[in-house]
């Protein structure tokens, strides 16, 4: 089943990818399926392969295994560290 999601990129990801958001359409069952779709683009998109990537669904932190539904907002951002 094809669904539409809004994808947001934050911090270093936004800078590296040169965009803050986009609409995607595809057969996405989970947040990770969205990420895998983006990784297939290669090049700078490989930044989303980071093992410590953080994500959110509809503005709530979630795991990559979180299911996605029609109209969801999915966000990716790097782990924030402080000192």
PDB file of N, CA and C in Angstrom:
ATOM      1  N   UNK A   1       0.841  -1.181   0.000  1.00  0.00           N
ATOM      2  CA  UNK A   1       0.000   0.000   0.000  1.00  0.00           C
ATOM      3  C   UNK A   1       0.888   1.248   0.000  1.00  0.00           C
ATOM      4  N   UNK A   2       0.626   2.150  -0.886  1.00  0.00           N
ATOM      5  CA  UNK A   2       1.401   3.377  -0.986  1.00  0.00           C
ATOM      6  C   UNK A   2       0.864   4.410   0.001  1.00  0.00           C
ATOM      7  N   UNK A   3       1.788   4.999   0.751  1.00  0.00           N
ATOM      8  CA  UNK A   3       1.401   6.061   1.681  1.00  0.00           C
ATOM      9  C   UNK A   3       2.270   7.288   1.433  1.00  0.00           C
ATOM     10  N   UNK A   4       1.787   8.408   1.912  1.00  0.00           N
ATOM     11  CA  UNK A   4       2.505   9.673   1.814  1.00  0.00           C
ATOM     12  C   UNK A   4       2.983  10.061   3.210  1.00  0.00           C
ATOM     13  N   UNK A   5       4.245  10.437   3.324  1.00  0.00           N
ATOM     14  CA  UNK A   5       4.788  10.925   4.587  1.00  0.00           C
ATOM     15  C   UNK A   5       5.565  12.213   4.341  1.00  0.00           C
ATOM     16  N   UNK A   6       5.620  13.045   5.352  1.00  0.00           N
ATOM     17  CA  UNK A   6       6.440  14.249   5.346  1.00  0.00           C
ATOM     18  C   UNK A   6       7.710  13.910   6.120  1.00  0.00           C
ATOM     19  N   UNK A   7       8.864  14.147   5.530  1.00  0.00           N
ATOM     20  CA  UNK A   7      10.133  13.835   6.184  1.00  0.00           C
ATOM     21  C   UNK A   7      10.851  15.136   6.513  1.00  0.00           C
ATOM     22  N   UNK A   8      11.309  15.248   7.770  1.00  0.00           N
ATOM     23  CA  UNK A   8      12.044  16.417   8.249  1.00  0.00           C
ATOM     24  C   UNK A   8      13.479  16.004   8.570  1.00  0.00           C
ATOM     25  N   UNK A   9      14.422  16.897   8.284  1.00  0.00           N
ATOM     26  CA  UNK A   9      15.832  16.657   8.601  1.00  0.00           C
ATOM     27  C   UNK A   9      16.308  17.787   9.498  1.00  0.00           C
ATOM     28  N   UNK A  10      17.057  17.448  10.532  1.00  0.00           N
ATOM     29  CA  UNK A  10      17.491  18.448  11.500  1.00  0.00           C
ATOM     30  C   UNK A  10      19.000  18.464  11.677  1.00  0.00           C
ATOM     31  N   UNK A  11      19.477  19.620  12.164  1.00  0.00           N
ATOM     32  CA  UNK A  11      20.876  19.828  12.548  1.00  0.00           C
ATOM     33  C   UNK A  11      21.818  19.493  11.393  1.00  0.00           C
ATOM     34  N   UNK A  12      22.825  18.715  11.687  1.00  0.00           N
ATOM     35  CA  UNK A  12      23.851  18.359  10.701  1.00  0.00           C
ATOM     36  C   UNK A  12      23.261  17.652   9.480  1.00  0.00           C
ATOM     37  N   UNK A  13      22.207  16.872   9.660  1.00  0.00           N
ATOM     38  CA  UNK A  13      21.589  16.183   8.523  1.00  0.00           C
ATOM     39  C   UNK A  13      21.019  17.210   7.542  1.00  0.00           C
ATOM     40  N   UNK A  14      20.357  18.223   8.054  1.00  0.00           N
ATOM     41  CA  UNK A  14      19.789  19.269   7.201  1.00  0.00           C
ATOM     42  C   UNK A  14      20.890  19.941   6.389  1.00  0.00           C
ATOM     43  N   UNK A  15      21.991  20.239   7.046  1.00  0.00           N
ATOM     44  CA  UNK A  15      23.116  20.902   6.374  1.00  0.00           C
ATOM     45  C   UNK A  15      23.742  20.003   5.313  1.00  0.00           C
ATOM     46  N   UNK A  16      23.976  18.744   5.665  1.00  0.00           N
ATOM     47  CA  UNK A  16      24.608  17.806   4.739  1.00  0.00           C
ATOM     48  C   UNK A  16      23.727  17.536   3.522  1.00  0.00           C
ATOM     49  N   UNK A  17      22.425  17.376   3.750  1.00  0.00           N
ATOM     50  CA  UNK A  17      21.506  17.021   2.668  1.00  0.00           C
ATOM     51  C   UNK A  17      21.035  18.229   1.869  1.00  0.00           C
ATOM     52  N   UNK A  18      21.217  19.425   2.428  1.00  0.00           N
ATOM     53  CA  UNK A  18      20.823  20.632   1.716  1.00  0.00           C
ATOM     54  C   UNK A  18      19.325  20.843   1.631  1.00  0.00           C
ATOM     55  N   UNK A  19      18.574  20.196   2.521  1.00  0.00           N
ATOM     56  CA  UNK A  19      17.119  20.366   2.550  1.00  0.00           C
ATOM     57  C   UNK A  19      16.627  20.159   3.973  1.00  0.00           C
ATOM     58  N   UNK A  20      15.516  20.799   4.301  1.00  0.00           N
ATOM     59  CA  UNK A  20      14.974  20.616   5.645  1.00  0.00           C
ATOM     60  C   UNK A  20      13.794  19.655   5.671  1.00  0.00           C
ATOM     61  N   UNK A  21      13.151  19.451   4.497  1.00  0.00           N
ATOM     62  CA  UNK A  21      12.010  18.538   4.472  1.00  0.00           C
ATOM     63  C   UNK A  21      11.666  18.150   3.039  1.00  0.00           C
ATOM     64  N   UNK A  22      10.851  17.103   2.935  1.00  0.00           N
ATOM     65  CA  UNK A  22      10.334  16.664   1.645  1.00  0.00           C
ATOM     66  C   UNK A  22       9.160  15.735   1.868  1.00  0.00           C
ATOM     67  N   UNK A  23       8.335  15.602   0.845  1.00  0.00           N
ATOM     68  CA  UNK A  23       7.231  14.640   0.854  1.00  0.00           C
ATOM     69  C   UNK A  23       7.711  13.390   0.141  1.00  0.00           C
ATOM     70  N   UNK A  24       7.396  12.231   0.723  1.00  0.00           N
ATOM     71  CA  UNK A  24       7.738  10.962   0.077  1.00  0.00           C
ATOM     72  C   UNK A  24       6.475  10.131  -0.096  1.00  0.00           C
ATOM     73  N   UNK A  25       6.492   9.313  -1.127  1.00  0.00           N
ATOM     74  CA  UNK A  25       5.402   8.393  -1.394  1.00  0.00           C
ATOM     75  C   UNK A  25       6.015   7.021  -1.606  1.00  0.00           C
ATOM     76  N   UNK A  26       5.485   6.017  -0.929  1.00  0.00           N
ATOM     77  CA  UNK A  26       6.015   4.672  -1.094  1.00  0.00           C
ATOM     78  C   UNK A  26       5.309   3.673  -0.210  1.00  0.00           C
ATOM     79  N   UNK A  27       5.800   2.440  -0.255  1.00  0.00           N
ATOM     80  CA  UNK A  27       5.233   1.360   0.558  1.00  0.00           C
ATOM     81  C   UNK A  27       6.046   1.251   1.844  1.00  0.00           C
ATOM     82  N   UNK A  28       5.866   2.197   2.726  1.00  0.00           N
ATOM     83  CA  UNK A  28       6.640   2.264   3.964  1.00  0.00           C
ATOM     84  C   UNK A  28       5.848   1.663   5.116  1.00  0.00           C
ATOM     85  N   UNK A  29       6.403   0.637   5.750  1.00  0.00           N
ATOM     86  CA  UNK A  29       5.742   0.044   6.910  1.00  0.00           C
ATOM     87  C   UNK A  29       6.277   0.633   8.212  1.00  0.00           C
ATOM     88  N   UNK A  30       7.558   1.051   8.197  1.00  0.00           N
ATOM     89  CA  UNK A  30       8.200   1.548   9.417  1.00  0.00           C
ATOM     90  C   UNK A  30       9.042   2.784   9.110  1.00  0.00           C
ATOM     91  N   UNK A  31       9.477   3.440  10.172  1.00  0.00           N
ATOM     92  CA  UNK A  31      10.394   4.570  10.020  1.00  0.00           C
ATOM     93  C   UNK A  31      11.665   4.106   9.314  1.00  0.00           C
ATOM     94  N   UNK A  32      12.134   2.914   9.650  1.00  0.00           N
ATOM     95  CA  UNK A  32      13.344   2.413   9.006  1.00  0.00           C
ATOM     96  C   UNK A  32      13.137   2.178   7.512  1.00  0.00           C
ATOM     97  N   UNK A  33      11.944   1.801   7.104  1.00  0.00           N
ATOM     98  CA  UNK A  33      11.669   1.631   5.672  1.00  0.00           C
ATOM     99  C   UNK A  33      11.809   2.968   4.940  1.00  0.00           C
ATOM    100  N   UNK A  34      11.390   4.052   5.595  1.00  0.00           N
ATOM    101  CA  UNK A  34      11.575   5.388   5.024  1.00  0.00           C
ATOM    102  C   UNK A  34      13.070   5.676   4.907  1.00  0.00           C
ATOM    103  N   UNK A  35      13.804   5.394   5.977  1.00  0.00           N
ATOM    104  CA  UNK A  35      15.247   5.638   5.974  1.00  0.00           C
ATOM    105  C   UNK A  35      15.946   4.808   4.893  1.00  0.00           C
ATOM    106  N   UNK A  36      15.592   3.540   4.764  1.00  0.00           N
ATOM    107  CA  UNK A  36      16.202   2.681   3.748  1.00  0.00           C
ATOM    108  C   UNK A  36      15.925   3.214   2.342  1.00  0.00           C
ATOM    109  N   UNK A  37      14.735   3.728   2.119  1.00  0.00           N
ATOM    110  CA  UNK A  37      14.391   4.336   0.828  1.00  0.00           C
ATOM    111  C   UNK A  37      15.331   5.507   0.534  1.00  0.00           C
ATOM    112  N   UNK A  38      15.574   6.335   1.539  1.00  0.00           N
ATOM    113  CA  UNK A  38      16.454   7.494   1.370  1.00  0.00           C
ATOM    114  C   UNK A  38      17.907   7.066   1.167  1.00  0.00           C
ATOM    115  N   UNK A  39      18.340   6.026   1.863  1.00  0.00           N
ATOM    116  CA  UNK A  39      19.721   5.537   1.732  1.00  0.00           C
ATOM    117  C   UNK A  39      20.007   5.024   0.317  1.00  0.00           C
ATOM    118  N   UNK A  40      18.990   4.554  -0.374  1.00  0.00           N
ATOM    119  CA  UNK A  40      19.182   4.065  -1.745  1.00  0.00           C
ATOM    120  C   UNK A  40      19.623   5.164  -2.695  1.00  0.00           C
ATOM    121  N   UNK A  41      19.468   6.415  -2.298  1.00  0.00           N
ATOM    122  CA  UNK A  41      19.913   7.529  -3.129  1.00  0.00           C
ATOM    123  C   UNK A  41      21.437   7.615  -3.193  1.00  0.00           C
ATOM    124  N   UNK A  42      22.106   7.070  -2.171  1.00  0.00           N
ATOM    125  CA  UNK A  42      23.568   7.086  -2.129  1.00  0.00           C
ATOM    126  C   UNK A  42      24.134   8.477  -1.905  1.00  0.00           C
ATOM    127  N   UNK A  43      25.436   8.607  -2.052  1.00  0.00           N
ATOM    128  CA  UNK A  43      26.109   9.894  -1.882  1.00  0.00           C
ATOM    129  C   UNK A  43      25.921  10.467  -0.493  1.00  0.00           C
ATOM    130  N   UNK A  44      25.538  11.743  -0.415  1.00  0.00           N
ATOM    131  CA  UNK A  44      25.385  12.414   0.875  1.00  0.00           C
ATOM    132  C   UNK A  44      24.311  11.768   1.740  1.00  0.00           C
ATOM    133  N   UNK A  45      23.399  11.057   1.106  1.00  0.00           N
ATOM    134  CA  UNK A  45      22.311  10.420   1.859  1.00  0.00           C
ATOM    135  C   UNK A  45      22.817   9.323   2.783  1.00  0.00           C
ATOM    136  N   UNK A  46      24.053   8.862   2.565  1.00  0.00           N
ATOM    137  CA  UNK A  46      24.640   7.846   3.441  1.00  0.00           C
ATOM    138  C   UNK A  46      24.774   8.337   4.879  1.00  0.00           C
ATOM    139  N   UNK A  47      24.669   9.651   5.099  1.00  0.00           N
ATOM    140  CA  UNK A  47      24.722  10.193   6.451  1.00  0.00           C
ATOM    141  C   UNK A  47      23.602   9.597   7.316  1.00  0.00           C
ATOM    142  N   UNK A  48      22.515   9.178   6.694  1.00  0.00           N
ATOM    143  CA  UNK A  48      21.391   8.599   7.443  1.00  0.00           C
ATOM    144  C   UNK A  48      21.649   7.155   7.874  1.00  0.00           C
ATOM    145  N   UNK A  49      22.799   6.602   7.504  1.00  0.00           N
ATOM    146  CA  UNK A  49      23.167   5.243   7.917  1.00  0.00           C
ATOM    147  C   UNK A  49      23.839   5.235   9.285  1.00  0.00           C
ATOM    148  N   UNK A  50      24.016   6.404   9.879  1.00  0.00           N
ATOM    149  CA  UNK A  50      24.644   6.513  11.199  1.00  0.00           C
ATOM    150  C   UNK A  50      24.006   5.548  12.187  1.00  0.00           C
ATOM    151  N   UNK A  51      24.806   4.763  12.902  1.00  0.00           N
ATOM    152  CA  UNK A  51      24.225   3.799  13.838  1.00  0.00           C
ATOM    153  C   UNK A  51      23.494   4.455  15.013  1.00  0.00           C
ATOM    154  N   UNK A  52      23.857   5.669  15.351  1.00  0.00           N
ATOM    155  CA  UNK A  52      23.224   6.334  16.501  1.00  0.00           C
ATOM    156  C   UNK A  52      22.141   7.325  16.082  1.00  0.00           C
ATOM    157  N   UNK A  53      21.612   7.184  14.871  1.00  0.00           N
ATOM    158  CA  UNK A  53      20.595   8.104  14.367  1.00  0.00           C
ATOM    159  C   UNK A  53      19.385   8.128  15.306  1.00  0.00           C
ATOM    160  N   UNK A  54      18.828   9.307  15.455  1.00  0.00           N
ATOM    161  CA  UNK A  54      17.603   9.449  16.246  1.00  0.00           C
ATOM    162  C   UNK A  54      16.466   9.765  15.282  1.00  0.00           C
ATOM    163  N   UNK A  55      15.258   9.372  15.680  1.00  0.00           N
ATOM    164  CA  UNK A  55      14.119   9.608  14.815  1.00  0.00           C
ATOM    165  C   UNK A  55      12.872   9.899  15.644  1.00  0.00           C
ATOM    166  N   UNK A  56      11.910  10.480  14.975  1.00  0.00           N
ATOM    167  CA  UNK A  56      10.630  10.790  15.612  1.00  0.00           C
ATOM    168  C   UNK A  56       9.520  10.544  14.606  1.00  0.00           C
ATOM    169  N   UNK A  57       8.372  10.208  15.137  1.00  0.00           N
ATOM    170  CA  UNK A  57       7.158  10.062  14.324  1.00  0.00           C
ATOM    171  C   UNK A  57       6.116  10.984  14.932  1.00  0.00           C
ATOM    172  N   UNK A  58       5.615  11.878  14.141  1.00  0.00           N
ATOM    173  CA  UNK A  58       4.623  12.855  14.598  1.00  0.00           C
ATOM    174  C   UNK A  58       5.086  13.587  15.852  1.00  0.00           C
ATOM    175  N   UNK A  59       6.352  14.000  15.829  1.00  0.00           N
ATOM    176  CA  UNK A  59       6.994  14.829  16.846  1.00  0.00           C
ATOM    177  C   UNK A  59       7.187  14.121  18.191  1.00  0.00           C
ATOM    178  N   UNK A  60       7.214  12.789  18.174  1.00  0.00           N
ATOM    179  CA  UNK A  60       7.525  12.015  19.378  1.00  0.00           C
ATOM    180  C   UNK A  60       8.671  11.068  19.062  1.00  0.00           C
ATOM    181  N   UNK A  61       9.704  11.083  19.917  1.00  0.00           N
ATOM    182  CA  UNK A  61      10.835  10.185  19.711  1.00  0.00           C
ATOM    183  C   UNK A  61      10.351   8.756  19.579  1.00  0.00           C
ATOM    184  N   UNK A  62      11.000   8.005  18.702  1.00  0.00           N
ATOM    185  CA  UNK A  62      10.597   6.619  18.487  1.00  0.00           C
ATOM    186  C   UNK A  62      11.799   5.808  18.034  1.00  0.00           C
ATOM    187  N   UNK A  63      11.595   4.519  17.887  1.00  0.00           N
ATOM    188  CA  UNK A  63      12.637   3.645  17.350  1.00  0.00           C
ATOM    189  C   UNK A  63      12.458   3.545  15.839  1.00  0.00           C
ATOM    190  N   UNK A  64      13.458   3.011  15.185  1.00  0.00           N
ATOM    191  CA  UNK A  64      13.369   2.806  13.742  1.00  0.00           C
ATOM    192  C   UNK A  64      12.283   1.802  13.374  1.00  0.00           C
ATOM    193  N   UNK A  65      11.877   0.974  14.328  1.00  0.00           N
ATOM    194  CA  UNK A  65      10.843  -0.034  14.076  1.00  0.00           C
ATOM    195  C   UNK A  65       9.426   0.502  14.206  1.00  0.00           C
ATOM    196  N   UNK A  66       9.289   1.784  14.509  1.00  0.00           N
ATOM    197  CA  UNK A  66       7.963   2.401  14.674  1.00  0.00           C
ATOM    198  C   UNK A  66       7.185   2.332  13.364  1.00  0.00           C
ATOM    199  N   UNK A  67       5.939   1.856  13.417  1.00  0.00           N
ATOM    200  CA  UNK A  67       5.131   1.820  12.191  1.00  0.00           C
ATOM    201  C   UNK A  67       4.782   3.234  11.722  1.00  0.00           C
ATOM    202  N   UNK A  68       4.626   3.404  10.421  1.00  0.00           N
ATOM    203  CA  UNK A  68       4.187   4.677   9.868  1.00  0.00           C
ATOM    204  C   UNK A  68       2.851   4.493   9.160  1.00  0.00           C
ATOM    205  N   UNK A  69       2.081   5.577   9.148  1.00  0.00           N
ATOM    206  CA  UNK A  69       0.756   5.563   8.528  1.00  0.00           C
ATOM    207  C   UNK A  69       0.613   6.763   7.606  1.00  0.00           C
ATOM    208  N   UNK A  70      -0.397   6.722   6.795  1.00  0.00           N
ATOM    209  CA  UNK A  70      -0.699   7.791   5.859  1.00  0.00           C
ATOM    210  C   UNK A  70      -0.661   9.159   6.559  1.00  0.00           C
ATOM    211  N   UNK A  71       0.095  10.099   5.986  1.00  0.00           N
ATOM    212  CA  UNK A  71       0.127  11.457   6.501  1.00  0.00           C
ATOM    213  C   UNK A  71       1.056  11.703   7.672  1.00  0.00           C
ATOM    214  N   UNK A  72       1.788  10.688   8.120  1.00  0.00           N
ATOM    215  CA  UNK A  72       2.707  10.866   9.250  1.00  0.00           C
ATOM    216  C   UNK A  72       3.848  11.805   8.902  1.00  0.00           C
ATOM    217  N   UNK A  73       4.394  12.422   9.932  1.00  0.00           N
ATOM    218  CA  UNK A  73       5.626  13.182   9.810  1.00  0.00           C
ATOM    219  C   UNK A  73       6.733  12.340  10.441  1.00  0.00           C
ATOM    220  N   UNK A  74       7.793  12.126   9.692  1.00  0.00           N
ATOM    221  CA  UNK A  74       8.951  11.376  10.171  1.00  0.00           C
ATOM    222  C   UNK A  74      10.138  12.332  10.193  1.00  0.00           C
ATOM    223  N   UNK A  75      10.889  12.328  11.285  1.00  0.00           N
ATOM    224  CA  UNK A  75      12.049  13.217  11.405  1.00  0.00           C
ATOM    225  C   UNK A  75      13.290  12.426  11.742  1.00  0.00           C
ATOM    226  N   UNK A  76      14.402  12.850  11.159  1.00  0.00           N
ATOM    227  CA  UNK A  76      15.710  12.240  11.440  1.00  0.00           C
ATOM    228  C   UNK A  76      16.659  13.318  11.935  1.00  0.00           C
ATOM    229  N   UNK A  77      17.415  12.986  12.985  1.00  0.00           N
ATOM    230  CA  UNK A  77      18.387  13.925  13.511  1.00  0.00           C
ATOM    231  C   UNK A  77      19.514  13.173  14.197  1.00  0.00           C
ATOM    232  N   UNK A  78      20.702  13.782  14.196  1.00  0.00           N
ATOM    233  CA  UNK A  78      21.837  13.115  14.826  1.00  0.00           C
ATOM    234  C   UNK A  78      21.711  13.161  16.348  1.00  0.00           C
ATOM    235  N   UNK A  79      22.386  12.236  16.993  1.00  0.00           N
ATOM    236  CA  UNK A  79      22.410  12.228  18.447  1.00  0.00           C
ATOM    237  C   UNK A  79      23.014  13.528  18.934  1.00  0.00           C
ATOM    238  N   UNK A  80      22.377  14.116  19.911  1.00  0.00           N
ATOM    239  CA  UNK A  80      22.865  15.372  20.484  1.00  0.00           C
ATOM    240  C   UNK A  80      23.687  15.041  21.719  1.00  0.00           C
ATOM    241  N   UNK A  81      24.904  15.562  21.730  1.00  0.00           N
ATOM    242  CA  UNK A  81      25.753  15.360  22.901  1.00  0.00           C
ATOM    243  C   UNK A  81      26.134  16.713  23.453  1.00  0.00           C
ATOM    244  N   UNK A  82      26.353  16.747  24.712  1.00  0.00           N
ATOM    245  CA  UNK A  82      26.718  18.001  25.350  1.00  0.00           C
ATOM    246  C   UNK A  82      27.859  17.790  26.318  1.00  0.00           C
ATOM    247  N   UNK A  83      28.377  18.866  26.794  1.00  0.00           N
ATOM    248  CA  UNK A  83      29.477  18.726  27.725  1.00  0.00           C
ATOM    249  C   UNK A  83      29.533  19.859  28.686  1.00  0.00           C
TER     250      UNK A  83
END
